[in-house]
């Protein structure tokens, strides 16, 4: 967790931003990067809530928060332009509301987020190469006049972490594609074994693996690996027997 115990008001912004960069580079994985962003923001501006949305296609997806939201994190989505958060993403500009945030005409209420009942609201875009990749929201239960320094610091963090978020997301997407490719290869091999041994056509072999996956409540990759392993063991036994 990011702690600024050694950093006082008199410390230069350069020291703070250097600390952020170092710790971001040490983060491992997409969600850890986002958790670090929450830590940074709440250390720079003491607040009651912090939420990070990531732009995915044309939607902003809630990916991290100061307070756990297991029912909505990775599920709650906003269209670009929807609510204050969507407005910030659409206009690439921060919005600071010191009180009665819910009365702002851009505001949209979500029953899943208790933070929507908070008074003050600061929303800042996360940028990468001139384009928005997400939005970070800071909220206060009571009236809070966001100082220019606070807005500038969070905006600067937005520029710093935007690139890190984009890189982490691309790495996670690449990892997912690699896993999908490996699954496809092992399933194809398992299908071939079933076609050879049981006289099934390609579709029947695939459905057989899928059916086993559902019945045993295991991923198709695991079922396919078991089929391939069994075939390998049988083949080795036959070789030893000869």
C-alpha atoms as a PDB file:
ATOM      1  CA  UNK A   1       0.000   0.000   0.000  1.00  0.00           C
ATOM      2  CA  UNK A   2       1.236   3.483  -0.887  1.00  0.00           C
ATOM      3  CA  UNK A   3       1.971   5.516   2.238  1.00  0.00           C
ATOM      4  CA  UNK A   4       3.224   9.064   2.314  1.00  0.00           C
ATOM      5  CA  UNK A   5       4.466   9.114   5.909  1.00  0.00           C
ATOM      6  CA  UNK A   6       7.867  10.354   4.802  1.00  0.00           C
ATOM      7  CA  UNK A   7       6.387  12.997   2.529  1.00  0.00           C
ATOM      8  CA  UNK A   8       5.369  16.339   3.982  1.00  0.00           C
ATOM      9  CA  UNK A   9       3.576  19.265   2.406  1.00  0.00           C
ATOM     10  CA  UNK A  10       6.983  20.852   1.868  1.00  0.00           C
ATOM     11  CA  UNK A  11       8.296  17.935  -0.156  1.00  0.00           C
ATOM     12  CA  UNK A  12       8.518  18.621  -3.844  1.00  0.00           C
ATOM     13  CA  UNK A  13       5.932  17.259  -6.258  1.00  0.00           C
ATOM     14  CA  UNK A  14       8.805  15.640  -8.103  1.00  0.00           C
ATOM     15  CA  UNK A  15       9.491  13.386  -5.111  1.00  0.00           C
ATOM     16  CA  UNK A  16       5.846  12.346  -4.966  1.00  0.00           C
ATOM     17  CA  UNK A  17       5.605  11.621  -8.665  1.00  0.00           C
ATOM     18  CA  UNK A  18       8.908   9.746  -8.619  1.00  0.00           C
ATOM     19  CA  UNK A  19       7.569   7.553  -5.808  1.00  0.00           C
ATOM     20  CA  UNK A  20       4.417   6.870  -7.804  1.00  0.00           C
ATOM     21  CA  UNK A  21       6.384   5.906 -10.910  1.00  0.00           C
ATOM     22  CA  UNK A  22       8.667   3.542  -8.991  1.00  0.00           C
ATOM     23  CA  UNK A  23       5.791   1.793  -7.260  1.00  0.00           C
ATOM     24  CA  UNK A  24       3.739   1.515 -10.435  1.00  0.00           C
ATOM     25  CA  UNK A  25       6.654  -0.123 -12.222  1.00  0.00           C
ATOM     26  CA  UNK A  26       6.828  -2.658  -9.409  1.00  0.00           C
ATOM     27  CA  UNK A  27       3.144  -3.552  -9.713  1.00  0.00           C
ATOM     28  CA  UNK A  28       2.374  -6.996 -11.080  1.00  0.00           C
ATOM     29  CA  UNK A  29      -0.725  -7.246 -13.226  1.00  0.00           C
ATOM     30  CA  UNK A  30      -3.637  -5.107 -14.298  1.00  0.00           C
ATOM     31  CA  UNK A  31      -5.638  -5.098 -11.060  1.00  0.00           C
ATOM     32  CA  UNK A  32      -2.582  -4.480  -8.910  1.00  0.00           C
ATOM     33  CA  UNK A  33      -1.767  -1.402 -11.009  1.00  0.00           C
ATOM     34  CA  UNK A  34      -5.303  -0.143 -10.435  1.00  0.00           C
ATOM     35  CA  UNK A  35      -5.084  -0.845  -6.705  1.00  0.00           C
ATOM     36  CA  UNK A  36      -1.869   1.199  -6.604  1.00  0.00           C
ATOM     37  CA  UNK A  37      -3.652   4.039  -8.400  1.00  0.00           C
ATOM     38  CA  UNK A  38      -6.301   4.045  -5.673  1.00  0.00           C
ATOM     39  CA  UNK A  39      -3.561   4.098  -3.030  1.00  0.00           C
ATOM     40  CA  UNK A  40      -1.801   7.029  -4.697  1.00  0.00           C
ATOM     41  CA  UNK A  41      -4.908   9.102  -5.150  1.00  0.00           C
ATOM     42  CA  UNK A  42      -6.191   8.613  -1.612  1.00  0.00           C
ATOM     43  CA  UNK A  43      -2.736   9.410  -0.201  1.00  0.00           C
ATOM     44  CA  UNK A  44      -2.513  12.638  -2.196  1.00  0.00           C
ATOM     45  CA  UNK A  45      -6.074  13.748  -1.454  1.00  0.00           C
ATOM     46  CA  UNK A  46      -7.625  12.401   1.730  1.00  0.00           C
ATOM     47  CA  UNK A  47     -11.105  11.303   0.726  1.00  0.00           C
ATOM     48  CA  UNK A  48     -13.900   8.952   1.711  1.00  0.00           C
ATOM     49  CA  UNK A  49     -14.086   7.087  -1.577  1.00  0.00           C
ATOM     50  CA  UNK A  50     -12.017   6.482  -4.685  1.00  0.00           C
ATOM     51  CA  UNK A  51     -13.156   4.595  -7.773  1.00  0.00           C
ATOM     52  CA  UNK A  52     -11.255   3.833 -10.959  1.00  0.00           C
ATOM     53  CA  UNK A  53     -13.038   3.203 -14.257  1.00  0.00           C
ATOM     54  CA  UNK A  54     -11.225   1.809 -17.305  1.00  0.00           C
ATOM     55  CA  UNK A  55     -12.381   2.562 -20.840  1.00  0.00           C
ATOM     56  CA  UNK A  56     -13.069  -0.665 -22.709  1.00  0.00           C
ATOM     57  CA  UNK A  57     -14.461  -0.226 -26.200  1.00  0.00           C
ATOM     58  CA  UNK A  58     -17.178   2.414 -25.686  1.00  0.00           C
ATOM     59  CA  UNK A  59     -17.838   1.662 -22.033  1.00  0.00           C
ATOM     60  CA  UNK A  60     -16.281   2.668 -18.730  1.00  0.00           C
ATOM     61  CA  UNK A  61     -15.955  -0.367 -16.463  1.00  0.00           C
ATOM     62  CA  UNK A  62     -15.477  -0.025 -12.707  1.00  0.00           C
ATOM     63  CA  UNK A  63     -12.239  -1.917 -12.043  1.00  0.00           C
ATOM     64  CA  UNK A  64     -11.039  -0.767  -8.611  1.00  0.00           C
ATOM     65  CA  UNK A  65     -12.229   1.117  -5.541  1.00  0.00           C
ATOM     66  CA  UNK A  66     -11.072   2.223  -2.108  1.00  0.00           C
ATOM     67  CA  UNK A  67     -13.906   0.326  -0.467  1.00  0.00           C
ATOM     68  CA  UNK A  68     -14.560  -3.227  -1.659  1.00  0.00           C
ATOM     69  CA  UNK A  69     -17.505  -3.579  -4.031  1.00  0.00           C
ATOM     70  CA  UNK A  70     -17.500  -7.292  -4.856  1.00  0.00           C
ATOM     71  CA  UNK A  71     -20.924  -7.122  -6.490  1.00  0.00           C
ATOM     72  CA  UNK A  72     -20.126  -4.303  -8.885  1.00  0.00           C
ATOM     73  CA  UNK A  73     -16.351  -4.179  -9.473  1.00  0.00           C
ATOM     74  CA  UNK A  74     -15.650  -5.540 -12.968  1.00  0.00           C
ATOM     75  CA  UNK A  75     -19.421  -5.449 -13.643  1.00  0.00           C
ATOM     76  CA  UNK A  76     -20.669  -1.868 -13.350  1.00  0.00           C
ATOM     77  CA  UNK A  77     -20.490  -0.141 -16.720  1.00  0.00           C
ATOM     78  CA  UNK A  78     -21.129   3.370 -18.003  1.00  0.00           C
ATOM     79  CA  UNK A  79     -21.392   4.634 -21.537  1.00  0.00           C
ATOM     80  CA  UNK A  80     -19.029   7.422 -22.515  1.00  0.00           C
ATOM     81  CA  UNK A  81     -21.024  10.589 -21.873  1.00  0.00           C
ATOM     82  CA  UNK A  82     -23.194   8.957 -19.200  1.00  0.00           C
ATOM     83  CA  UNK A  83     -23.105  10.628 -15.791  1.00  0.00           C
ATOM     84  CA  UNK A  84     -20.304  12.878 -14.573  1.00  0.00           C
ATOM     85  CA  UNK A  85     -17.789  10.082 -15.077  1.00  0.00           C
ATOM     86  CA  UNK A  86     -18.894   9.579 -18.673  1.00  0.00           C
ATOM     87  CA  UNK A  87     -18.833  13.347 -19.273  1.00  0.00           C
ATOM     88  CA  UNK A  88     -15.208  13.498 -18.107  1.00  0.00           C
ATOM     89  CA  UNK A  89     -14.291  10.636 -20.440  1.00  0.00           C
ATOM     90  CA  UNK A  90     -16.069  12.311 -23.353  1.00  0.00           C
ATOM     91  CA  UNK A  91     -14.514  15.748 -22.803  1.00  0.00           C
ATOM     92  CA  UNK A  92     -11.097  14.749 -21.398  1.00  0.00           C
ATOM     93  CA  UNK A  93     -11.544  17.370 -18.668  1.00  0.00           C
ATOM     94  CA  UNK A  94     -11.718  17.127 -14.859  1.00  0.00           C
ATOM     95  CA  UNK A  95     -14.871  18.028 -12.937  1.00  0.00           C
ATOM     96  CA  UNK A  96     -14.769  19.258  -9.342  1.00  0.00           C
ATOM     97  CA  UNK A  97     -18.018  19.681  -7.383  1.00  0.00           C
ATOM     98  CA  UNK A  98     -17.624  20.831  -3.737  1.00  0.00           C
ATOM     99  CA  UNK A  99     -21.167  20.020  -2.572  1.00  0.00           C
ATOM    100  CA  UNK A 100     -24.544  18.600  -3.615  1.00  0.00           C
ATOM    101  CA  UNK A 101     -22.963  16.558  -6.403  1.00  0.00           C
ATOM    102  CA  UNK A 102     -26.194  14.639  -6.951  1.00  0.00           C
ATOM    103  CA  UNK A 103     -27.873  17.853  -8.059  1.00  0.00           C
ATOM    104  CA  UNK A 104     -25.479  18.342 -10.947  1.00  0.00           C
ATOM    105  CA  UNK A 105     -27.423  17.815 -14.218  1.00  0.00           C
ATOM    106  CA  UNK A 106     -24.731  15.388 -15.428  1.00  0.00           C
ATOM    107  CA  UNK A 107     -24.999  13.185 -12.334  1.00  0.00           C
ATOM    108  CA  UNK A 108     -26.384   9.652 -12.590  1.00  0.00           C
ATOM    109  CA  UNK A 109     -27.316   7.621  -9.534  1.00  0.00           C
ATOM    110  CA  UNK A 110     -26.424   3.948  -9.131  1.00  0.00           C
ATOM    111  CA  UNK A 111     -28.110   2.046  -6.319  1.00  0.00           C
ATOM    112  CA  UNK A 112     -25.105  -0.285  -6.101  1.00  0.00           C
ATOM    113  CA  UNK A 113     -22.761   2.539  -5.087  1.00  0.00           C
ATOM    114  CA  UNK A 114     -23.308   4.130  -1.666  1.00  0.00           C
ATOM    115  CA  UNK A 115     -20.766   6.755  -2.726  1.00  0.00           C
ATOM    116  CA  UNK A 116     -23.438   8.296  -4.917  1.00  0.00           C
ATOM    117  CA  UNK A 117     -24.934   9.799  -1.768  1.00  0.00           C
ATOM    118  CA  UNK A 118     -21.712  11.693  -0.997  1.00  0.00           C
ATOM    119  CA  UNK A 119     -21.601  15.478  -1.198  1.00  0.00           C
ATOM    120  CA  UNK A 120     -18.350  16.331  -3.002  1.00  0.00           C
ATOM    121  CA  UNK A 121     -17.079  14.805  -6.241  1.00  0.00           C
ATOM    122  CA  UNK A 122     -13.793  15.086  -8.151  1.00  0.00           C
ATOM    123  CA  UNK A 123     -13.555  13.239 -11.455  1.00  0.00           C
ATOM    124  CA  UNK A 124     -10.341  13.245 -13.497  1.00  0.00           C
ATOM    125  CA  UNK A 125      -9.492  11.540 -16.808  1.00  0.00           C
ATOM    126  CA  UNK A 126      -6.683   8.982 -17.046  1.00  0.00           C
ATOM    127  CA  UNK A 127      -4.780   9.762 -20.228  1.00  0.00           C
ATOM    128  CA  UNK A 128      -2.404   7.896 -22.534  1.00  0.00           C
ATOM    129  CA  UNK A 129      -0.929   9.589 -25.603  1.00  0.00           C
ATOM    130  CA  UNK A 130      -3.646  12.193 -25.736  1.00  0.00           C
ATOM    131  CA  UNK A 131      -6.583   9.842 -25.379  1.00  0.00           C
ATOM    132  CA  UNK A 132      -8.691   8.812 -22.424  1.00  0.00           C
ATOM    133  CA  UNK A 133      -8.116   5.296 -21.079  1.00  0.00           C
ATOM    134  CA  UNK A 134     -10.125   5.687 -17.884  1.00  0.00           C
ATOM    135  CA  UNK A 135     -11.464   7.971 -15.178  1.00  0.00           C
ATOM    136  CA  UNK A 136     -10.666   8.283 -11.482  1.00  0.00           C
ATOM    137  CA  UNK A 137     -13.265   9.595  -9.035  1.00  0.00           C
ATOM    138  CA  UNK A 138     -12.628  10.946  -5.550  1.00  0.00           C
ATOM    139  CA  UNK A 139     -15.592  11.594  -3.264  1.00  0.00           C
ATOM    140  CA  UNK A 140     -16.270  13.115   0.155  1.00  0.00           C
ATOM    141  CA  UNK A 141     -19.250  12.547   2.423  1.00  0.00           C
ATOM    142  CA  UNK A 142     -19.219  16.202   3.458  1.00  0.00           C
ATOM    143  CA  UNK A 143     -18.607  19.475   1.643  1.00  0.00           C
ATOM    144  CA  UNK A 144     -15.067  19.642   0.257  1.00  0.00           C
ATOM    145  CA  UNK A 145     -13.638  22.506  -1.786  1.00  0.00           C
ATOM    146  CA  UNK A 146     -11.070  20.874  -4.070  1.00  0.00           C
ATOM    147  CA  UNK A 147      -8.011  23.052  -4.195  1.00  0.00           C
ATOM    148  CA  UNK A 148      -6.275  23.749  -7.475  1.00  0.00           C
ATOM    149  CA  UNK A 149      -3.216  21.888  -6.184  1.00  0.00           C
ATOM    150  CA  UNK A 150      -5.285  18.759  -5.475  1.00  0.00           C
ATOM    151  CA  UNK A 151      -6.862  18.808  -8.919  1.00  0.00           C
ATOM    152  CA  UNK A 152      -3.494  19.320 -10.605  1.00  0.00           C
ATOM    153  CA  UNK A 153      -1.853  16.522  -8.612  1.00  0.00           C
ATOM    154  CA  UNK A 154      -4.605  14.014  -9.383  1.00  0.00           C
ATOM    155  CA  UNK A 155      -4.571  15.119 -13.040  1.00  0.00           C
ATOM    156  CA  UNK A 156      -0.809  14.556 -13.147  1.00  0.00           C
ATOM    157  CA  UNK A 157      -1.287  11.119 -11.626  1.00  0.00           C
ATOM    158  CA  UNK A 158      -3.873  10.523 -14.339  1.00  0.00           C
ATOM    159  CA  UNK A 159      -1.276  11.166 -17.026  1.00  0.00           C
ATOM    160  CA  UNK A 160       1.337   9.007 -15.293  1.00  0.00           C
ATOM    161  CA  UNK A 161      -0.846   6.005 -14.653  1.00  0.00           C
ATOM    162  CA  UNK A 162      -2.745   6.157 -17.922  1.00  0.00           C
ATOM    163  CA  UNK A 163       0.182   4.607 -19.786  1.00  0.00           C
ATOM    164  CA  UNK A 164       0.698   2.017 -17.050  1.00  0.00           C
ATOM    165  CA  UNK A 165      -2.964   1.041 -17.135  1.00  0.00           C
ATOM    166  CA  UNK A 166      -2.886   0.681 -20.899  1.00  0.00           C
ATOM    167  CA  UNK A 167       0.281  -1.442 -20.755  1.00  0.00           C
ATOM    168  CA  UNK A 168      -1.069  -3.654 -17.959  1.00  0.00           C
ATOM    169  CA  UNK A 169      -4.340  -4.144 -19.825  1.00  0.00           C
ATOM    170  CA  UNK A 170      -2.529  -5.094 -23.036  1.00  0.00           C
ATOM    171  CA  UNK A 171      -0.353  -7.564 -21.139  1.00  0.00           C
ATOM    172  CA  UNK A 172      -3.426  -9.138 -19.539  1.00  0.00           C
ATOM    173  CA  UNK A 173      -5.192  -9.319 -22.906  1.00  0.00           C
ATOM    174  CA  UNK A 174      -2.115 -10.950 -24.430  1.00  0.00           C
ATOM    175  CA  UNK A 175      -1.991 -13.465 -21.578  1.00  0.00           C
ATOM    176  CA  UNK A 176      -5.666 -14.274 -22.133  1.00  0.00           C
ATOM    177  CA  UNK A 177      -5.112 -14.799 -25.857  1.00  0.00           C
ATOM    178  CA  UNK A 178      -2.153 -17.072 -25.130  1.00  0.00           C
ATOM    179  CA  UNK A 179      -4.276 -19.132 -22.746  1.00  0.00           C
ATOM    180  CA  UNK A 180      -7.060 -19.355 -25.326  1.00  0.00           C
ATOM    181  CA  UNK A 181      -4.596 -20.520 -27.971  1.00  0.00           C
ATOM    182  CA  UNK A 182      -3.188 -23.189 -25.665  1.00  0.00           C
ATOM    183  CA  UNK A 183      -6.706 -24.360 -24.836  1.00  0.00           C
ATOM    184  CA  UNK A 184      -7.606 -24.538 -28.507  1.00  0.00           C
ATOM    185  CA  UNK A 185      -4.502 -26.608 -29.293  1.00  0.00           C
ATOM    186  CA  UNK A 186      -5.096 -29.143 -26.526  1.00  0.00           C
ATOM    187  CA  UNK A 187      -8.812 -29.429 -27.361  1.00  0.00           C
ATOM    188  CA  UNK A 188      -7.984 -30.011 -31.032  1.00  0.00           C
ATOM    189  CA  UNK A 189      -5.576 -32.776 -30.035  1.00  0.00           C
ATOM    190  CA  UNK A 190      -8.147 -34.372 -27.740  1.00  0.00           C
ATOM    191  CA  UNK A 191     -10.768 -34.223 -30.495  1.00  0.00           C
ATOM    192  CA  UNK A 192      -8.414 -36.068 -32.798  1.00  0.00           C
ATOM    193  CA  UNK A 193      -7.924 -38.822 -30.228  1.00  0.00           C
ATOM    194  CA  UNK A 194     -11.675 -39.284 -29.750  1.00  0.00           C
ATOM    195  CA  UNK A 195     -12.237 -39.316 -33.511  1.00  0.00           C
ATOM    196  CA  UNK A 196      -9.591 -41.992 -33.912  1.00  0.00           C
ATOM    197  CA  UNK A 197     -10.566 -44.189 -30.976  1.00  0.00           C
ATOM    198  CA  UNK A 198     -14.371 -43.816 -30.965  1.00  0.00           C
ATOM    199  CA  UNK A 199     -15.065 -43.222 -34.625  1.00  0.00           C
ATOM    200  CA  UNK A 200     -16.623 -39.813 -33.969  1.00  0.00           C
ATOM    201  CA  UNK A 201     -16.705 -36.939 -36.396  1.00  0.00           C
ATOM    202  CA  UNK A 202     -15.154 -33.577 -35.405  1.00  0.00           C
ATOM    203  CA  UNK A 203     -18.396 -32.060 -34.118  1.00  0.00           C
ATOM    204  CA  UNK A 204     -19.285 -35.153 -32.083  1.00  0.00           C
ATOM    205  CA  UNK A 205     -15.819 -35.221 -30.529  1.00  0.00           C
ATOM    206  CA  UNK A 206     -16.094 -31.557 -29.554  1.00  0.00           C
ATOM    207  CA  UNK A 207     -19.554 -32.066 -28.042  1.00  0.00           C
ATOM    208  CA  UNK A 208     -18.274 -35.053 -26.068  1.00  0.00           C
ATOM    209  CA  UNK A 209     -15.537 -32.938 -24.491  1.00  0.00           C
ATOM    210  CA  UNK A 210     -17.984 -30.118 -23.851  1.00  0.00           C
ATOM    211  CA  UNK A 211     -20.457 -32.507 -22.213  1.00  0.00           C
ATOM    212  CA  UNK A 212     -17.776 -33.876 -19.899  1.00  0.00           C
ATOM    213  CA  UNK A 213     -16.758 -30.334 -19.028  1.00  0.00           C
ATOM    214  CA  UNK A 214     -20.293 -29.480 -17.949  1.00  0.00           C
ATOM    215  CA  UNK A 215     -20.909 -32.723 -16.074  1.00  0.00           C
ATOM    216  CA  UNK A 216     -17.660 -32.565 -14.131  1.00  0.00           C
ATOM    217  CA  UNK A 217     -17.800 -28.760 -13.825  1.00  0.00           C
ATOM    218  CA  UNK A 218     -14.270 -28.425 -15.063  1.00  0.00           C
ATOM    219  CA  UNK A 219     -12.831 -26.293 -17.909  1.00  0.00           C
ATOM    220  CA  UNK A 220     -12.691 -27.944 -21.324  1.00  0.00           C
ATOM    221  CA  UNK A 221      -8.934 -27.566 -21.209  1.00  0.00           C
ATOM    222  CA  UNK A 222      -8.722 -29.857 -18.169  1.00  0.00           C
ATOM    223  CA  UNK A 223     -10.922 -32.490 -19.820  1.00  0.00           C
ATOM    224  CA  UNK A 224      -8.855 -32.307 -23.000  1.00  0.00           C
ATOM    225  CA  UNK A 225      -5.593 -32.577 -21.042  1.00  0.00           C
ATOM    226  CA  UNK A 226      -6.899 -35.701 -19.300  1.00  0.00           C
ATOM    227  CA  UNK A 227      -7.763 -37.289 -22.664  1.00  0.00           C
ATOM    228  CA  UNK A 228      -4.324 -36.450 -24.082  1.00  0.00           C
ATOM    229  CA  UNK A 229      -2.541 -37.695 -20.946  1.00  0.00           C
ATOM    230  CA  UNK A 230      -4.465 -40.976 -21.030  1.00  0.00           C
ATOM    231  CA  UNK A 231      -3.523 -41.425 -24.685  1.00  0.00           C
ATOM    232  CA  UNK A 232       0.132 -40.670 -23.964  1.00  0.00           C
ATOM    233  CA  UNK A 233       0.210 -43.177 -21.073  1.00  0.00           C
ATOM    234  CA  UNK A 234      -1.441 -45.824 -23.229  1.00  0.00           C
ATOM    235  CA  UNK A 235       1.042 -45.178 -26.015  1.00  0.00           C
ATOM    236  CA  UNK A 236       4.033 -45.432 -23.692  1.00  0.00           C
ATOM    237  CA  UNK A 237       2.694 -48.667 -22.211  1.00  0.00           C
ATOM    238  CA  UNK A 238       2.371 -50.185 -25.676  1.00  0.00           C
ATOM    239  CA  UNK A 239       5.925 -49.160 -26.552  1.00  0.00           C
ATOM    240  CA  UNK A 240       7.290 -50.739 -23.343  1.00  0.00           C
ATOM    241  CA  UNK A 241       5.311 -53.914 -23.979  1.00  0.00           C
ATOM    242  CA  UNK A 242       6.983 -54.370 -27.344  1.00  0.00           C
END
